[in-house]
Amino acid sequence: MIGQKMNFKKYQESLKNNPGPISISQIPKVKIDYKGLIAYAKAKNMRPGDLSDEEKNKFFLDGHNMEWVRANAGYKITV
């Protein structure tokens, strides 16, 4: 075997500590202009996730904002 050997016990333990996949029902239902958000971020030479909440809020089409999304997410959103 070429390369580093894997410690399978350590790997199995790390899997126990990782959260599972996020189900669709856990994602808050919002309408966002993703095309506009991505174009705006590219124009600023940034990734969409690096934009401030105020900048992201401009692209919500249904009156929601990032604060609402974080409050209604069925999982923890880190900033």
Protein backbone atom coordinates (compact mmCIF):
# COMPACT_ATOMS: atom_id res chain seq x y z
CA MET A 1 0.00 0.00 0.00
CA ILE A 2 1.39 3.35 -1.01
CA GLY A 3 0.80 6.43 1.09
CA GLN A 4 -0.43 6.95 4.61
CA LYS A 5 -2.28 4.14 6.36
CA MET A 6 -5.69 5.06 7.69
CA ASN A 7 -6.58 4.59 11.35
CA PHE A 8 -10.07 3.11 10.93
CA LYS A 9 -10.94 3.20 14.62
CA LYS A 10 -10.17 6.92 14.76
CA TYR A 11 -12.16 7.41 11.55
CA GLN A 12 -15.20 5.58 12.97
CA GLU A 13 -15.05 7.70 16.13
CA SER A 14 -14.90 10.88 14.07
CA LEU A 15 -18.02 9.81 12.17
CA LYS A 16 -19.94 9.49 15.44
CA ASN A 17 -19.20 13.15 16.26
CA ASN A 18 -20.17 14.51 12.85
CA PRO A 19 -23.74 15.68 12.30
CA GLY A 20 -25.77 13.77 9.75
CA PRO A 21 -26.99 15.20 6.47
CA ILE A 22 -29.52 18.02 6.54
CA SER A 23 -32.95 16.95 5.33
CA ILE A 24 -35.00 19.12 3.01
CA SER A 25 -37.61 19.63 5.74
CA GLN A 26 -34.95 21.32 7.92
CA ILE A 27 -34.19 24.00 5.33
CA PRO A 28 -36.29 27.17 5.81
CA LYS A 29 -38.58 27.95 2.87
CA VAL A 30 -37.59 31.32 1.41
CA LYS A 31 -37.48 32.88 -2.04
CA ILE A 32 -34.09 34.29 -2.97
CA ASP A 33 -32.77 35.83 -6.19
CA TYR A 34 -29.76 33.52 -6.32
CA LYS A 35 -28.68 34.71 -9.77
CA GLY A 36 -28.61 38.31 -8.56
CA LEU A 37 -26.89 37.37 -5.30
CA ILE A 38 -24.12 35.49 -7.11
CA ALA A 39 -23.65 38.27 -9.68
CA TYR A 40 -23.46 40.86 -6.87
CA ALA A 41 -20.87 38.80 -5.00
CA LYS A 42 -18.79 38.28 -8.15
CA ALA A 43 -18.87 42.02 -8.86
CA LYS A 44 -17.40 42.57 -5.39
CA ASN A 45 -14.85 39.74 -5.91
CA MET A 46 -16.39 37.83 -2.99
CA ARG A 47 -18.20 34.56 -2.43
CA PRO A 48 -21.93 34.84 -1.57
CA GLY A 49 -21.30 33.43 1.90
CA ASP A 50 -18.78 36.17 2.62
CA LEU A 51 -21.29 38.98 2.06
CA SER A 52 -22.75 40.75 5.07
CA ASP A 53 -26.29 39.96 6.18
CA GLU A 54 -27.41 43.42 5.02
CA GLU A 55 -26.08 42.68 1.53
CA LYS A 56 -27.73 39.23 1.45
CA ASN A 57 -31.04 40.63 2.67
CA LYS A 58 -31.37 42.68 -0.55
CA PHE A 59 -31.96 39.44 -2.49
CA PHE A 60 -34.82 37.96 -0.44
CA LEU A 61 -37.99 38.12 -2.52
CA ASP A 62 -40.53 37.23 0.17
CA GLY A 63 -39.81 39.74 2.94
CA HIS A 64 -37.63 37.41 5.01
CA ASN A 65 -34.05 38.10 6.01
CA MET A 66 -30.98 36.25 7.30
CA GLU A 67 -32.05 36.74 10.91
CA TRP A 68 -35.35 34.98 10.17
CA VAL A 69 -33.55 32.15 8.35
CA ARG A 70 -31.24 31.53 11.33
CA ALA A 71 -34.16 31.62 13.77
CA ASN A 72 -36.22 29.15 11.71
CA ALA A 73 -33.52 26.72 10.63
CA GLY A 74 -33.96 23.19 11.93
CA TYR A 75 -30.17 22.96 12.34
CA LYS A 76 -27.38 25.22 13.59
CA ILE A 77 -26.14 27.81 11.09
CA THR A 78 -22.66 29.10 11.79
CA VAL A 79 -21.59 32.54 10.69
